[in-house]
Structure formats: C-alpha cells, structure tokens
Amino acid sequence: MKLYEQAATVSCKRLNLFLREIGVTDLERVEINVREGDNLDQGYQDKSVNGKVPLLELDDGTHLSETVAISRYFDEITPNDLNLFGQNTVERAKVEMWNRIVDRWYSK
C-alpha cells in the first residue's frame, strides 16, 4: 500500500492523526507537492478521481481518495477497539455530522 500525501495539508494532517490513533505506522508514503503541481501530473491524475491528496493506493491497484473514506478503510482493516466512527446509530450519525461540518469549514 502507498499513501500519497502532502503532510502540510489539513486533510493529510487529519488522516495522519487518525492513523496514529489506531496504530497504523508501517505505511509507504509518497510526498506529492501540490504547490508545485505534482497532483496535476498525468500519472497522478490517472490514479486520483479528484486530483487531490490524500490518495491511498492498495496493493491490487485500487485507489481511494478523501480523508474520511481512507480513514474508514483503515478502521475496517486494523484491529482496534476505539470505535472512532461510533458504536451505535446515533454516535455514527454524530461522527458523520462533524465530518461534514469540518469539511465545509475547511473548504471556505
């Protein structure tokens, strides 16, 4: 697996906080400099549906983008009892609510 990221971006910081919290440390990382336009390179564009970071490339060639989607993927494949996406319907709804609020706040 490879994680394409630019560590300084808010979305990558958010993902990395999540990964550290659930104990994911052994992950190949590829730095994408969005200020220099690395994300506009055709090779990267072929992998990414939105041309942004973060982007997770699975060993089978599947690509996942968006911080929350990648976080949910790792939450499913990484044994942990943290329930960071909630333990019941109301908790999961609240997590989704706050994810949407944060997304809108950072997109301004």
PDB file of N, CA and C in Angstrom:
ATOM      1  N   MET A   1       0.825  -1.182   0.000  1.00  0.00           N
ATOM      2  CA  MET A   1       0.000   0.000   0.000  1.00  0.00           C
ATOM      3  C   MET A   1       0.871   1.248   0.000  1.00  0.00           C
ATOM      4  N   LYS A   2       0.389   2.283  -0.683  1.00  0.00           N
ATOM      5  CA  LYS A   2       1.088   3.569  -0.708  1.00  0.00           C
ATOM      6  C   LYS A   2       0.098   4.668  -0.379  1.00  0.00           C
ATOM      7  N   LEU A   3       0.540   5.602   0.443  1.00  0.00           N
ATOM      8  CA  LEU A   3      -0.251   6.780   0.752  1.00  0.00           C
ATOM      9  C   LEU A   3       0.414   7.978   0.101  1.00  0.00           C
ATOM     10  N   TYR A   4      -0.282   8.589  -0.854  1.00  0.00           N
ATOM     11  CA  TYR A   4       0.189   9.803  -1.498  1.00  0.00           C
ATOM     12  C   TYR A   4      -0.350  10.974  -0.687  1.00  0.00           C
ATOM     13  N   GLU A   5       0.548  11.858  -0.275  1.00  0.00           N
ATOM     14  CA  GLU A   5       0.135  12.926   0.626  1.00  0.00           C
ATOM     15  C   GLU A   5       1.053  14.130   0.506  1.00  0.00           C
ATOM     16  N   GLN A   6       0.576  15.233   1.033  1.00  0.00           N
ATOM     17  CA  GLN A   6       1.429  16.376   1.326  1.00  0.00           C
ATOM     18  C   GLN A   6       1.164  16.668   2.789  1.00  0.00           C
ATOM     19  N   ALA A   7       2.136  16.345   3.613  1.00  0.00           N
ATOM     20  CA  ALA A   7       1.955  16.356   5.066  1.00  0.00           C
ATOM     21  C   ALA A   7       1.416  17.675   5.607  1.00  0.00           C
ATOM     22  N   ALA A   8       1.684  18.776   4.927  1.00  0.00           N
ATOM     23  CA  ALA A   8       1.270  20.083   5.446  1.00  0.00           C
ATOM     24  C   ALA A   8      -0.210  20.396   5.210  1.00  0.00           C
ATOM     25  N   THR A   9      -0.894  19.632   4.375  1.00  0.00           N
ATOM     26  CA  THR A   9      -2.295  19.942   4.105  1.00  0.00           C
ATOM     27  C   THR A   9      -3.179  19.494   5.266  1.00  0.00           C
ATOM     28  N   VAL A  10      -4.280  20.197   5.456  1.00  0.00           N
ATOM     29  CA  VAL A  10      -5.200  19.894   6.548  1.00  0.00           C
ATOM     30  C   VAL A  10      -5.756  18.479   6.419  1.00  0.00           C
ATOM     31  N   SER A  11      -6.130  18.098   5.201  1.00  0.00           N
ATOM     32  CA  SER A  11      -6.720  16.770   5.016  1.00  0.00           C
ATOM     33  C   SER A  11      -5.728  15.659   5.342  1.00  0.00           C
ATOM     34  N   CYS A  12      -4.475  15.841   4.991  1.00  0.00           N
ATOM     35  CA  CYS A  12      -3.460  14.830   5.305  1.00  0.00           C
ATOM     36  C   CYS A  12      -3.140  14.815   6.798  1.00  0.00           C
ATOM     37  N   LYS A  13      -3.117  15.990   7.424  1.00  0.00           N
ATOM     38  CA  LYS A  13      -2.911  16.040   8.876  1.00  0.00           C
ATOM     39  C   LYS A  13      -4.031  15.289   9.590  1.00  0.00           C
ATOM     40  N   ARG A  14      -5.241  15.512   9.139  1.00  0.00           N
ATOM     41  CA  ARG A  14      -6.406  14.849   9.732  1.00  0.00           C
ATOM     42  C   ARG A  14      -6.299  13.326   9.590  1.00  0.00           C
ATOM     43  N   LEU A  15      -5.941  12.861   8.408  1.00  0.00           N
ATOM     44  CA  LEU A  15      -5.781  11.423   8.179  1.00  0.00           C
ATOM     45  C   LEU A  15      -4.660  10.853   9.034  1.00  0.00           C
ATOM     46  N   ASN A  16      -3.546  11.564   9.108  1.00  0.00           N
ATOM     47  CA  ASN A  16      -2.409  11.062   9.880  1.00  0.00           C
ATOM     48  C   ASN A  16      -2.708  11.010  11.376  1.00  0.00           C
ATOM     49  N   LEU A  17      -3.493  11.946  11.877  1.00  0.00           N
ATOM     50  CA  LEU A  17      -3.927  11.867  13.274  1.00  0.00           C
ATOM     51  C   LEU A  17      -4.737  10.592  13.507  1.00  0.00           C
ATOM     52  N   PHE A  18      -5.643  10.307  12.595  1.00  0.00           N
ATOM     53  CA  PHE A  18      -6.462   9.111  12.695  1.00  0.00           C
ATOM     54  C   PHE A  18      -5.587   7.856  12.646  1.00  0.00           C
ATOM     55  N   LEU A  19      -4.669   7.794  11.681  1.00  0.00           N
ATOM     56  CA  LEU A  19      -3.814   6.615  11.537  1.00  0.00           C
ATOM     57  C   LEU A  19      -2.958   6.380  12.779  1.00  0.00           C
ATOM     58  N   ARG A  20      -2.396   7.448  13.331  1.00  0.00           N
ATOM     59  CA  ARG A  20      -1.607   7.302  14.560  1.00  0.00           C
ATOM     60  C   ARG A  20      -2.479   6.796  15.706  1.00  0.00           C
ATOM     61  N   GLU A  21      -3.678   7.312  15.798  1.00  0.00           N
ATOM     62  CA  GLU A  21      -4.576   6.929  16.885  1.00  0.00           C
ATOM     63  C   GLU A  21      -4.895   5.437  16.861  1.00  0.00           C
ATOM     64  N   ILE A  22      -5.091   4.874  15.665  1.00  0.00           N
ATOM     65  CA  ILE A  22      -5.408   3.444  15.595  1.00  0.00           C
ATOM     66  C   ILE A  22      -4.162   2.571  15.452  1.00  0.00           C
ATOM     67  N   GLY A  23      -2.985   3.201  15.415  1.00  0.00           N
ATOM     68  CA  GLY A  23      -1.737   2.447  15.432  1.00  0.00           C
ATOM     69  C   GLY A  23      -1.173   2.053  14.081  1.00  0.00           C
ATOM     70  N   VAL A  24      -1.583   2.721  13.030  1.00  0.00           N
ATOM     71  CA  VAL A  24      -1.031   2.430  11.702  1.00  0.00           C
ATOM     72  C   VAL A  24       0.237   3.258  11.524  1.00  0.00           C
ATOM     73  N   THR A  25       1.374   2.570  11.492  1.00  0.00           N
ATOM     74  CA  THR A  25       2.648   3.277  11.358  1.00  0.00           C
ATOM     75  C   THR A  25       3.474   2.771  10.183  1.00  0.00           C
ATOM     76  N   ASP A  26       3.269   1.527   9.780  1.00  0.00           N
ATOM     77  CA  ASP A  26       4.064   0.932   8.715  1.00  0.00           C
ATOM     78  C   ASP A  26       3.339   1.091   7.386  1.00  0.00           C
ATOM     79  N   LEU A  27       3.557   2.239   6.747  1.00  0.00           N
ATOM     80  CA  LEU A  27       2.855   2.560   5.522  1.00  0.00           C
ATOM     81  C   LEU A  27       3.805   3.320   4.603  1.00  0.00           C
ATOM     82  N   GLU A  28       3.940   2.845   3.387  1.00  0.00           N
ATOM     83  CA  GLU A  28       4.779   3.556   2.425  1.00  0.00           C
ATOM     84  C   GLU A  28       4.105   4.879   2.066  1.00  0.00           C
ATOM     85  N   ARG A  29       4.881   5.944   2.101  1.00  0.00           N
ATOM     86  CA  ARG A  29       4.340   7.282   1.840  1.00  0.00           C
ATOM     87  C   ARG A  29       5.069   7.920   0.666  1.00  0.00           C
ATOM     88  N   VAL A  30       4.289   8.592  -0.167  1.00  0.00           N
ATOM     89  CA  VAL A  30       4.833   9.309  -1.311  1.00  0.00           C
ATOM     90  C   VAL A  30       4.410  10.765  -1.165  1.00  0.00           C
ATOM     91  N   GLU A  31       5.389  11.651  -1.094  1.00  0.00           N
ATOM     92  CA  GLU A  31       5.109  13.082  -0.943  1.00  0.00           C
ATOM     93  C   GLU A  31       4.708  13.677  -2.291  1.00  0.00           C
ATOM     94  N   ILE A  32       3.548  14.317  -2.315  1.00  0.00           N
ATOM     95  CA  ILE A  32       3.039  15.000  -3.505  1.00  0.00           C
ATOM     96  C   ILE A  32       3.024  16.491  -3.182  1.00  0.00           C
ATOM     97  N   ASN A  33       3.784  17.257  -3.915  1.00  0.00           N
ATOM     98  CA  ASN A  33       3.857  18.689  -3.681  1.00  0.00           C
ATOM     99  C   ASN A  33       2.785  19.377  -4.526  1.00  0.00           C
ATOM    100  N   VAL A  34       1.657  19.683  -3.892  1.00  0.00           N
ATOM    101  CA  VAL A  34       0.556  20.300  -4.640  1.00  0.00           C
ATOM    102  C   VAL A  34       0.872  21.739  -5.044  1.00  0.00           C
ATOM    103  N   ARG A  35       1.715  22.405  -4.306  1.00  0.00           N
ATOM    104  CA  ARG A  35       2.103  23.784  -4.674  1.00  0.00           C
ATOM    105  C   ARG A  35       2.906  23.809  -5.964  1.00  0.00           C
ATOM    106  N   GLU A  36       3.667  22.740  -6.173  1.00  0.00           N
ATOM    107  CA  GLU A  36       4.476  22.637  -7.399  1.00  0.00           C
ATOM    108  C   GLU A  36       3.705  21.953  -8.527  1.00  0.00           C
ATOM    109  N   GLY A  37       2.496  21.479  -8.240  1.00  0.00           N
ATOM    110  CA  GLY A  37       1.668  20.876  -9.270  1.00  0.00           C
ATOM    111  C   GLY A  37       1.859  19.387  -9.477  1.00  0.00           C
ATOM    112  N   ASP A  38       2.504  18.700  -8.517  1.00  0.00           N
ATOM    113  CA  ASP A  38       2.686  17.252  -8.659  1.00  0.00           C
ATOM    114  C   ASP A  38       1.351  16.526  -8.846  1.00  0.00           C
ATOM    115  N   ASN A  39       0.316  17.061  -8.236  1.00  0.00           N
ATOM    116  CA  ASN A  39      -1.005  16.435  -8.333  1.00  0.00           C
ATOM    117  C   ASN A  39      -1.651  16.642  -9.702  1.00  0.00           C
ATOM    118  N   LEU A  40      -1.068  17.503 -10.515  1.00  0.00           N
ATOM    119  CA  LEU A  40      -1.589  17.752 -11.861  1.00  0.00           C
ATOM    120  C   LEU A  40      -0.893  16.892 -12.910  1.00  0.00           C
ATOM    121  N   ASP A  41       0.140  16.167 -12.487  1.00  0.00           N
ATOM    122  CA  ASP A  41       0.856  15.256 -13.369  1.00  0.00           C
ATOM    123  C   ASP A  41      -0.110  14.172 -13.865  1.00  0.00           C
ATOM    124  N   GLN A  42      -0.021  13.805 -15.141  1.00  0.00           N
ATOM    125  CA  GLN A  42      -0.952  12.835 -15.719  1.00  0.00           C
ATOM    126  C   GLN A  42      -0.909  11.492 -14.991  1.00  0.00           C
ATOM    127  N   GLY A  43       0.266  11.071 -14.550  1.00  0.00           N
ATOM    128  CA  GLY A  43       0.371   9.809 -13.810  1.00  0.00           C
ATOM    129  C   GLY A  43      -0.437   9.836 -12.525  1.00  0.00           C
ATOM    130  N   TYR A  44      -0.390  10.962 -11.818  1.00  0.00           N
ATOM    131  CA  TYR A  44      -1.178  11.095 -10.592  1.00  0.00           C
ATOM    132  C   TYR A  44      -2.660  11.230 -10.928  1.00  0.00           C
ATOM    133  N   GLN A  45      -2.978  12.002 -11.939  1.00  0.00           N
ATOM    134  CA  GLN A  45      -4.364  12.191 -12.346  1.00  0.00           C
ATOM    135  C   GLN A  45      -5.022  10.867 -12.731  1.00  0.00           C
ATOM    136  N   ASP A  46      -4.243   9.950 -13.330  1.00  0.00           N
ATOM    137  CA  ASP A  46      -4.772   8.638 -13.698  1.00  0.00           C
ATOM    138  C   ASP A  46      -5.180   7.819 -12.478  1.00  0.00           C
ATOM    139  N   LYS A  47      -4.572   8.108 -11.326  1.00  0.00           N
ATOM    140  CA  LYS A  47      -4.863   7.372 -10.092  1.00  0.00           C
ATOM    141  C   LYS A  47      -5.970   8.031  -9.274  1.00  0.00           C
ATOM    142  N   SER A  48      -6.078   9.330  -9.370  1.00  0.00           N
ATOM    143  CA  SER A  48      -6.942  10.094  -8.475  1.00  0.00           C
ATOM    144  C   SER A  48      -8.201  10.581  -9.185  1.00  0.00           C
ATOM    145  N   VAL A  49      -9.348  10.356  -8.560  1.00  0.00           N
ATOM    146  CA  VAL A  49     -10.599  10.828  -9.162  1.00  0.00           C
ATOM    147  C   VAL A  49     -10.773  12.341  -9.012  1.00  0.00           C
ATOM    148  N   ASN A  50     -10.086  12.946  -8.029  1.00  0.00           N
ATOM    149  CA  ASN A  50     -10.261  14.382  -7.820  1.00  0.00           C
ATOM    150  C   ASN A  50      -8.948  15.172  -7.903  1.00  0.00           C
ATOM    151  N   GLY A  51      -7.834  14.483  -8.113  1.00  0.00           N
ATOM    152  CA  GLY A  51      -6.551  15.173  -8.260  1.00  0.00           C
ATOM    153  C   GLY A  51      -6.014  15.791  -6.986  1.00  0.00           C
ATOM    154  N   LYS A  52      -6.536  15.353  -5.844  1.00  0.00           N
ATOM    155  CA  LYS A  52      -6.124  15.927  -4.566  1.00  0.00           C
ATOM    156  C   LYS A  52      -5.416  14.881  -3.710  1.00  0.00           C
ATOM    157  N   VAL A  53      -4.885  15.322  -2.592  1.00  0.00           N
ATOM    158  CA  VAL A  53      -4.314  14.432  -1.590  1.00  0.00           C
ATOM    159  C   VAL A  53      -5.214  14.476  -0.371  1.00  0.00           C
ATOM    160  N   PRO A  54      -5.261  13.423   0.400  1.00  0.00           N
ATOM    161  CA  PRO A  54      -4.523  12.172   0.276  1.00  0.00           C
ATOM    162  C   PRO A  54      -5.152  11.222  -0.740  1.00  0.00           C
ATOM    163  N   LEU A  55      -4.337  10.268  -1.155  1.00  0.00           N
ATOM    164  CA  LEU A  55      -4.755   9.198  -2.051  1.00  0.00           C
ATOM    165  C   LEU A  55      -4.097   7.922  -1.568  1.00  0.00           C
ATOM    166  N   LEU A  56      -4.880   6.882  -1.395  1.00  0.00           N
ATOM    167  CA  LEU A  56      -4.349   5.591  -0.969  1.00  0.00           C
ATOM    168  C   LEU A  56      -4.379   4.637  -2.146  1.00  0.00           C
ATOM    169  N   GLU A  57      -3.233   4.033  -2.444  1.00  0.00           N
ATOM    170  CA  GLU A  57      -3.134   3.029  -3.498  1.00  0.00           C
ATOM    171  C   GLU A  57      -2.978   1.667  -2.827  1.00  0.00           C
ATOM    172  N   LEU A  58      -3.956   0.794  -3.042  1.00  0.00           N
ATOM    173  CA  LEU A  58      -3.908  -0.555  -2.468  1.00  0.00           C
ATOM    174  C   LEU A  58      -3.014  -1.449  -3.314  1.00  0.00           C
ATOM    175  N   ASP A  59      -2.609  -2.561  -2.739  1.00  0.00           N
ATOM    176  CA  ASP A  59      -1.706  -3.476  -3.433  1.00  0.00           C
ATOM    177  C   ASP A  59      -2.305  -4.035  -4.717  1.00  0.00           C
ATOM    178  N   ASP A  60      -3.628  -4.094  -4.804  1.00  0.00           N
ATOM    179  CA  ASP A  60      -4.269  -4.631  -6.011  1.00  0.00           C
ATOM    180  C   ASP A  60      -4.497  -3.558  -7.078  1.00  0.00           C
ATOM    181  N   GLY A  61      -4.009  -2.334  -6.829  1.00  0.00           N
ATOM    182  CA  GLY A  61      -4.147  -1.253  -7.794  1.00  0.00           C
ATOM    183  C   GLY A  61      -5.368  -0.376  -7.584  1.00  0.00           C
ATOM    184  N   THR A  62      -6.213  -0.705  -6.619  1.00  0.00           N
ATOM    185  CA  THR A  62      -7.370   0.127  -6.295  1.00  0.00           C
ATOM    186  C   THR A  62      -6.890   1.429  -5.666  1.00  0.00           C
ATOM    187  N   HIS A  63      -7.585   2.524  -5.974  1.00  0.00           N
ATOM    188  CA  HIS A  63      -7.237   3.833  -5.419  1.00  0.00           C
ATOM    189  C   HIS A  63      -8.419   4.389  -4.646  1.00  0.00           C
ATOM    190  N   LEU A  64      -8.135   4.899  -3.461  1.00  0.00           N
ATOM    191  CA  LEU A  64      -9.143   5.534  -2.616  1.00  0.00           C
ATOM    192  C   LEU A  64      -8.699   6.960  -2.331  1.00  0.00           C
ATOM    193  N   SER A  65      -9.609   7.895  -2.487  1.00  0.00           N
ATOM    194  CA  SER A  65      -9.305   9.278  -2.131  1.00  0.00           C
ATOM    195  C   SER A  65     -10.311   9.742  -1.095  1.00  0.00           C
ATOM    196  N   GLU A  66     -10.061  10.892  -0.546  1.00  0.00           N
ATOM    197  CA  GLU A  66     -10.863  11.519   0.508  1.00  0.00           C
ATOM    198  C   GLU A  66     -10.485  10.968   1.885  1.00  0.00           C
ATOM    199  N   THR A  67     -10.200  11.887   2.777  1.00  0.00           N
ATOM    200  CA  THR A  67      -9.724  11.574   4.121  1.00  0.00           C
ATOM    201  C   THR A  67     -10.637  10.617   4.876  1.00  0.00           C
ATOM    202  N   VAL A  68     -11.915  10.891   4.902  1.00  0.00           N
ATOM    203  CA  VAL A  68     -12.840  10.060   5.679  1.00  0.00           C
ATOM    204  C   VAL A  68     -12.942   8.662   5.077  1.00  0.00           C
ATOM    205  N   ALA A  69     -12.981   8.558   3.757  1.00  0.00           N
ATOM    206  CA  ALA A  69     -13.054   7.246   3.116  1.00  0.00           C
ATOM    207  C   ALA A  69     -11.818   6.411   3.433  1.00  0.00           C
ATOM    208  N   ILE A  70     -10.650   7.027   3.372  1.00  0.00           N
ATOM    209  CA  ILE A  70      -9.412   6.314   3.684  1.00  0.00           C
ATOM    210  C   ILE A  70      -9.391   5.935   5.167  1.00  0.00           C
ATOM    211  N   SER A  71      -9.834   6.844   6.030  1.00  0.00           N
ATOM    212  CA  SER A  71      -9.897   6.545   7.468  1.00  0.00           C
ATOM    213  C   SER A  71     -10.820   5.363   7.740  1.00  0.00           C
ATOM    214  N   ARG A  72     -11.976   5.351   7.113  1.00  0.00           N
ATOM    215  CA  ARG A  72     -12.924   4.244   7.293  1.00  0.00           C
ATOM    216  C   ARG A  72     -12.316   2.928   6.812  1.00  0.00           C
ATOM    217  N   TYR A  73     -11.595   2.963   5.704  1.00  0.00           N
ATOM    218  CA  TYR A  73     -10.934   1.762   5.194  1.00  0.00           C
ATOM    219  C   TYR A  73      -9.964   1.207   6.238  1.00  0.00           C
ATOM    220  N   PHE A  74      -9.103   2.080   6.765  1.00  0.00           N
ATOM    221  CA  PHE A  74      -8.137   1.622   7.763  1.00  0.00           C
ATOM    222  C   PHE A  74      -8.811   1.178   9.055  1.00  0.00           C
ATOM    223  N   ASP A  75      -9.892   1.828   9.420  1.00  0.00           N
ATOM    224  CA  ASP A  75     -10.633   1.425  10.612  1.00  0.00           C
ATOM    225  C   ASP A  75     -11.162  -0.004  10.452  1.00  0.00           C
ATOM    226  N   GLU A  76     -11.580  -0.353   9.244  1.00  0.00           N
ATOM    227  CA  GLU A  76     -12.110  -1.690   8.978  1.00  0.00           C
ATOM    228  C   GLU A  76     -11.017  -2.759   8.951  1.00  0.00           C
ATOM    229  N   ILE A  77      -9.832  -2.427   8.438  1.00  0.00           N
ATOM    230  CA  ILE A  77      -8.790  -3.455   8.282  1.00  0.00           C
ATOM    231  C   ILE A  77      -7.822  -3.522   9.457  1.00  0.00           C
ATOM    232  N   THR A  78      -7.894  -2.566  10.370  1.00  0.00           N
ATOM    233  CA  THR A  78      -6.967  -2.513  11.501  1.00  0.00           C
ATOM    234  C   THR A  78      -7.689  -2.886  12.785  1.00  0.00           C
ATOM    235  N   PRO A  79      -7.289  -3.979  13.418  1.00  0.00           N
ATOM    236  CA  PRO A  79      -7.934  -4.351  14.682  1.00  0.00           C
ATOM    237  C   PRO A  79      -7.770  -3.242  15.722  1.00  0.00           C
ATOM    238  N   ASN A  80      -8.892  -2.752  16.235  1.00  0.00           N
ATOM    239  CA  ASN A  80      -8.855  -1.751  17.297  1.00  0.00           C
ATOM    240  C   ASN A  80     -10.223  -1.700  17.965  1.00  0.00           C
ATOM    241  N   ASP A  81     -10.244  -1.273  19.206  1.00  0.00           N
ATOM    242  CA  ASP A  81     -11.482  -1.161  19.968  1.00  0.00           C
ATOM    243  C   ASP A  81     -11.832   0.302  20.247  1.00  0.00           C
ATOM    244  N   LEU A  82     -11.343   1.210  19.431  1.00  0.00           N
ATOM    245  CA  LEU A  82     -11.522   2.632  19.696  1.00  0.00           C
ATOM    246  C   LEU A  82     -12.880   3.161  19.258  1.00  0.00           C
ATOM    247  N   ASN A  83     -13.508   2.529  18.297  1.00  0.00           N
ATOM    248  CA  ASN A  83     -14.822   2.962  17.807  1.00  0.00           C
ATOM    249  C   ASN A  83     -14.837   4.441  17.431  1.00  0.00           C
ATOM    250  N   LEU A  84     -13.833   4.873  16.689  1.00  0.00           N
ATOM    251  CA  LEU A  84     -13.721   6.281  16.330  1.00  0.00           C
ATOM    252  C   LEU A  84     -14.817   6.736  15.364  1.00  0.00           C
ATOM    253  N   PHE A  85     -15.511   5.797  14.756  1.00  0.00           N
ATOM    254  CA  PHE A  85     -16.650   6.140  13.909  1.00  0.00           C
ATOM    255  C   PHE A  85     -17.969   5.868  14.613  1.00  0.00           C
ATOM    256  N   GLY A  86     -17.925   5.609  15.915  1.00  0.00           N
ATOM    257  CA  GLY A  86     -19.129   5.415  16.716  1.00  0.00           C
ATOM    258  C   GLY A  86     -19.478   3.955  16.934  1.00  0.00           C
ATOM    259  N   GLN A  87     -20.176   3.701  18.062  1.00  0.00           N
ATOM    260  CA  GLN A  87     -20.573   2.346  18.423  1.00  0.00           C
ATOM    261  C   GLN A  87     -22.022   2.046  18.074  1.00  0.00           C
ATOM    262  N   ASN A  88     -22.829   3.054  17.860  1.00  0.00           N
ATOM    263  CA  ASN A  88     -24.242   2.825  17.570  1.00  0.00           C
ATOM    264  C   ASN A  88     -24.709   3.856  16.542  1.00  0.00           C
ATOM    265  N   THR A  89     -25.962   3.768  16.185  1.00  0.00           N
ATOM    266  CA  THR A  89     -26.508   4.618  15.128  1.00  0.00           C
ATOM    267  C   THR A  89     -26.357   6.101  15.429  1.00  0.00           C
ATOM    268  N   VAL A  90     -26.684   6.523  16.641  1.00  0.00           N
ATOM    269  CA  VAL A  90     -26.596   7.944  16.994  1.00  0.00           C
ATOM    270  C   VAL A  90     -25.145   8.406  16.975  1.00  0.00           C
ATOM    271  N   GLU A  91     -24.234   7.624  17.544  1.00  0.00           N
ATOM    272  CA  GLU A  91     -22.821   8.008  17.545  1.00  0.00           C
ATOM    273  C   GLU A  91     -22.273   8.099  16.126  1.00  0.00           C
ATOM    274  N   ARG A  92     -22.614   7.130  15.269  1.00  0.00           N
ATOM    275  CA  ARG A  92     -22.142   7.173  13.886  1.00  0.00           C
ATOM    276  C   ARG A  92     -22.705   8.396  13.159  1.00  0.00           C
ATOM    277  N   ALA A  93     -23.955   8.729  13.425  1.00  0.00           N
ATOM    278  CA  ALA A  93     -24.556   9.921  12.813  1.00  0.00           C
ATOM    279  C   ALA A  93     -23.842  11.191  13.279  1.00  0.00           C
ATOM    280  N   LYS A  94     -23.500  11.267  14.554  1.00  0.00           N
ATOM    281  CA  LYS A  94     -22.791  12.443  15.073  1.00  0.00           C
ATOM    282  C   LYS A  94     -21.391  12.561  14.465  1.00  0.00           C
ATOM    283  N   VAL A  95     -20.706  11.445  14.320  1.00  0.00           N
ATOM    284  CA  VAL A  95     -19.388  11.466  13.687  1.00  0.00           C
ATOM    285  C   VAL A  95     -19.521  11.979  12.255  1.00  0.00           C
ATOM    286  N   GLU A  96     -20.514  11.481  11.531  1.00  0.00           N
ATOM    287  CA  GLU A  96     -20.737  11.928  10.157  1.00  0.00           C
ATOM    288  C   GLU A  96     -21.084  13.420  10.122  1.00  0.00           C
ATOM    289  N   MET A  97     -21.903  13.861  11.055  1.00  0.00           N
ATOM    290  CA  MET A  97     -22.269  15.273  11.149  1.00  0.00           C
ATOM    291  C   MET A  97     -21.022  16.137  11.314  1.00  0.00           C
ATOM    292  N   TRP A  98     -20.149  15.773  12.256  1.00  0.00           N
ATOM    293  CA  TRP A  98     -18.954  16.574  12.496  1.00  0.00           C
ATOM    294  C   TRP A  98     -17.979  16.507  11.332  1.00  0.00           C
ATOM    295  N   ASN A  99     -17.904  15.364  10.667  1.00  0.00           N
ATOM    296  CA  ASN A  99     -17.057  15.284   9.472  1.00  0.00           C
ATOM    297  C   ASN A  99     -17.534  16.259   8.413  1.00  0.00           C
ATOM    298  N   ARG A 100     -18.838  16.354   8.206  1.00  0.00           N
ATOM    299  CA  ARG A 100     -19.393  17.284   7.217  1.00  0.00           C
ATOM    300  C   ARG A 100     -19.134  18.731   7.625  1.00  0.00           C
ATOM    301  N   ILE A 101     -19.294  19.034   8.900  1.00  0.00           N
ATOM    302  CA  ILE A 101     -19.058  20.397   9.388  1.00  0.00           C
ATOM    303  C   ILE A 101     -17.603  20.794   9.173  1.00  0.00           C
ATOM    304  N   VAL A 102     -16.689  19.904   9.528  1.00  0.00           N
ATOM    305  CA  VAL A 102     -15.261  20.185   9.353  1.00  0.00           C
ATOM    306  C   VAL A 102     -14.937  20.347   7.874  1.00  0.00           C
ATOM    307  N   ASP A 103     -15.483  19.471   7.031  1.00  0.00           N
ATOM    308  CA  ASP A 103     -15.225  19.579   5.593  1.00  0.00           C
ATOM    309  C   ASP A 103     -15.664  20.932   5.047  1.00  0.00           C
ATOM    310  N   ARG A 104     -16.843  21.386   5.430  1.00  0.00           N
ATOM    311  CA  ARG A 104     -17.339  22.678   4.952  1.00  0.00           C
ATOM    312  C   ARG A 104     -16.513  23.825   5.498  1.00  0.00           C
ATOM    313  N   TRP A 105     -16.123  23.707   6.772  1.00  0.00           N
ATOM    314  CA  TRP A 105     -15.345  24.770   7.390  1.00  0.00           C
ATOM    315  C   TRP A 105     -14.003  24.937   6.693  1.00  0.00           C
ATOM    316  N   TYR A 106     -13.340  23.831   6.364  1.00  0.00           N
ATOM    317  CA  TYR A 106     -12.031  23.906   5.714  1.00  0.00           C
ATOM    318  C   TYR A 106     -12.113  24.223   4.228  1.00  0.00           C
ATOM    319  N   SER A 107     -13.273  24.064   3.631  1.00  0.00           N
ATOM    320  CA  SER A 107     -13.398  24.346   2.201  1.00  0.00           C
ATOM    321  C   SER A 107     -13.682  25.810   1.915  1.00  0.00           C
ATOM    322  N   LYS A 108     -13.843  26.620   2.953  1.00  0.00           N
ATOM    323  CA  LYS A 108     -14.119  28.051   2.758  1.00  0.00           C
ATOM    324  C   LYS A 108     -12.889  28.785   2.277  1.00  0.00           C
TER     325      LYS A 108
END
